[in-house]
Protein backbone atom coordinates (compact mmCIF):
# COMPACT_ATOMS: atom_id res chain seq x y z
CA MET A 1 -7.75 15.94 -13.59
CA ASP A 2 -6.53 19.54 -13.78
CA ILE A 3 -2.77 19.36 -14.32
CA LYS A 4 -2.36 23.12 -14.09
CA LYS A 5 -3.97 23.19 -10.62
CA ILE A 6 -1.79 20.31 -9.44
CA VAL A 7 1.35 22.09 -10.64
CA ASN A 8 0.35 25.45 -9.18
CA SER A 9 -0.35 23.84 -5.81
CA LEU A 10 2.99 22.05 -5.89
CA VAL A 11 4.92 25.22 -6.81
CA LYS A 12 3.13 27.18 -4.09
CA LYS A 13 3.84 24.53 -1.46
CA HIS A 14 7.52 24.01 -2.34
CA LYS A 15 8.24 27.60 -3.45
CA THR A 16 10.13 26.39 -6.52
CA ARG A 17 9.68 25.05 -10.04
CA ASN A 18 12.84 22.97 -9.77
CA PRO A 19 11.73 19.32 -9.93
CA PHE A 20 14.83 18.14 -8.04
CA GLU A 21 13.99 20.44 -5.12
CA ILE A 22 10.35 19.33 -5.20
CA VAL A 23 11.14 15.60 -5.13
CA LYS A 24 13.63 16.23 -2.32
CA GLY A 25 10.91 18.05 -0.34
CA MET A 26 8.52 15.15 -0.96
CA ASN A 27 11.02 12.52 0.24
CA VAL A 28 11.10 10.85 -3.17
CA ILE A 29 14.03 8.49 -3.67
CA LEU A 30 16.03 9.81 -6.63
CA VAL A 31 18.35 7.31 -8.26
CA PRO A 32 20.84 8.58 -10.85
CA VAL A 33 21.88 5.45 -12.73
CA PRO A 34 23.17 4.49 -16.18
CA LEU A 35 20.10 3.50 -18.20
CA GLU A 36 19.86 2.06 -21.66
CA GLY A 37 16.88 2.62 -23.91
CA VAL A 38 15.06 4.99 -21.53
CA ARG A 39 15.97 8.37 -20.08
CA GLY A 40 14.19 7.72 -16.80
CA PHE A 41 11.25 6.04 -15.14
CA TYR A 42 9.07 6.19 -12.05
CA GLN A 43 8.42 3.29 -9.71
CA TYR A 44 6.11 2.93 -6.73
CA PHE A 45 7.57 0.12 -4.62
CA GLN A 46 6.78 -0.85 -1.03
CA ARG A 47 5.12 2.53 -0.38
CA ASN A 48 8.16 4.39 -1.72
CA ASN A 49 8.20 6.77 -4.65
CA ILE A 50 11.35 6.21 -6.70
CA ILE A 51 12.52 8.15 -9.74
CA TYR A 52 15.37 6.76 -11.81
CA ILE A 53 17.21 9.12 -14.16
CA ASP A 54 19.92 8.28 -16.67
CA ASP A 55 22.98 9.94 -15.14
CA SER A 56 24.69 10.26 -18.53
CA LEU A 57 22.13 12.84 -19.71
CA PRO A 58 23.09 16.52 -19.75
CA GLU A 59 21.78 18.48 -16.75
CA HIS A 60 19.01 20.26 -18.70
CA GLU A 61 17.66 16.89 -19.91
CA GLN A 62 17.83 15.43 -16.40
CA ILE A 63 15.67 18.34 -15.21
CA LEU A 64 13.09 17.62 -17.92
CA VAL A 65 13.12 13.87 -17.18
CA CYS A 66 12.75 14.52 -13.44
CA ALA A 67 9.75 16.81 -14.09
CA HIS A 68 8.20 14.22 -16.43
CA GLU A 69 8.64 11.38 -13.91
CA LEU A 70 7.30 13.59 -11.12
CA GLY A 71 4.24 13.99 -13.32
CA HIS A 72 3.86 10.21 -13.51
CA MET A 73 4.21 10.03 -9.75
CA LEU A 74 1.47 12.56 -9.11
CA LEU A 75 -0.86 11.66 -11.97
CA HIS A 76 -0.40 7.90 -12.43
CA LYS A 77 1.01 6.69 -9.12
CA LYS A 78 0.08 3.04 -9.44
CA ALA A 79 0.25 2.66 -13.23
CA ASN A 80 3.37 0.75 -14.22
CA ALA A 81 3.89 2.06 -17.76
CA LEU A 82 7.14 0.13 -18.26
CA PHE A 83 5.34 -3.11 -17.45
CA MET A 84 2.35 -2.18 -19.61
CA ASP A 85 4.57 -1.28 -22.59
CA THR A 86 6.69 -4.41 -22.24
CA TYR A 87 4.17 -7.11 -21.37
CA THR A 88 0.74 -5.91 -22.49
CA GLY A 89 -0.83 -4.31 -25.51
CA PHE A 90 -2.07 -1.40 -23.39
CA ASN A 91 -1.53 1.97 -25.04
CA THR A 92 0.34 4.26 -22.61
CA THR A 93 0.41 7.29 -24.94
CA LYS A 94 -2.15 9.15 -22.80
CA TYR A 95 0.01 8.71 -19.68
CA GLU A 96 3.09 9.95 -21.51
CA MET A 97 1.26 12.99 -22.91
CA GLU A 98 -0.05 13.89 -19.46
CA ALA A 99 3.42 13.54 -17.90
CA ASP A 100 4.88 15.72 -20.69
CA LEU A 101 2.17 18.32 -20.12
CA PHE A 102 2.86 18.23 -16.38
CA ALA A 103 6.59 18.79 -17.03
CA MET A 104 5.85 21.71 -19.33
CA GLU A 105 3.43 23.28 -16.84
CA LEU A 106 6.07 22.96 -14.14
CA LEU A 107 9.11 24.12 -16.11
CA VAL A 108 7.58 26.81 -18.35
CA PRO A 109 5.73 29.48 -16.35
CA ASP A 110 2.78 31.37 -17.86
CA GLU A 111 4.91 34.50 -18.23
CA ILE A 112 6.94 32.84 -20.98
CA PHE A 113 3.83 32.20 -23.05
CA LEU A 114 2.57 35.75 -22.45
CA GLU A 115 5.90 37.13 -23.60
CA TYR A 116 5.74 35.19 -26.88
CA GLN A 117 2.08 35.69 -27.80
CA GLU A 118 2.94 36.86 -31.31
CA PHE A 119 4.58 33.53 -32.16
CA THR A 120 2.77 30.49 -33.52
CA THR A 121 2.40 27.37 -31.40
CA ASP A 122 4.80 25.62 -33.79
CA GLN A 123 7.47 28.31 -33.26
CA ILE A 124 7.05 28.14 -29.48
CA ALA A 125 7.17 24.33 -29.58
CA ARG A 126 10.45 24.33 -31.52
CA ALA A 127 11.98 26.95 -29.22
CA LEU A 128 11.00 25.05 -26.06
CA GLY A 129 11.71 21.57 -27.40
CA TYR A 130 8.14 20.30 -27.04
CA ASN A 131 5.74 19.11 -29.71
CA GLU A 132 3.11 21.49 -31.03
CA GLU A 133 0.21 19.38 -29.71
CA LEU A 134 1.49 19.83 -26.14
CA ILE A 135 1.86 23.58 -26.61
CA LYS A 136 -1.75 23.77 -27.81
CA LEU A 137 -2.90 21.79 -24.76
CA ARG A 138 -0.84 24.06 -22.51
CA LEU A 139 -2.36 27.21 -23.99
CA LYS A 140 -5.99 26.05 -23.56
């Protein structure tokens, strides 16, 4: 699965990197709701794509959560990570990493990385609020 291609196609089709605009254009049901213990989650229910986001989060965090959950929707549509985490011993780390990478691809255009070529991946990670492993994956 090529996350970069998926993101580029999505951005081209919707003419935006704003995940809220993209989910609106895809007729995704967006539910801002008070959540406890999670910042958001994705659910596929009765042929509907639903993204829940903790409405108490600051706007910039809601954008990141929306992008992350959009990643789950497009990459792991029928995988119920909440169920797997809660009721099984299945390791969902791979799904979470892929959704984080999707969010970073969507929210951080290539130009940003080109502009900061002289910085280490650790410095870029701290500046963008992502972990260094994701930055290394993004720069591959």
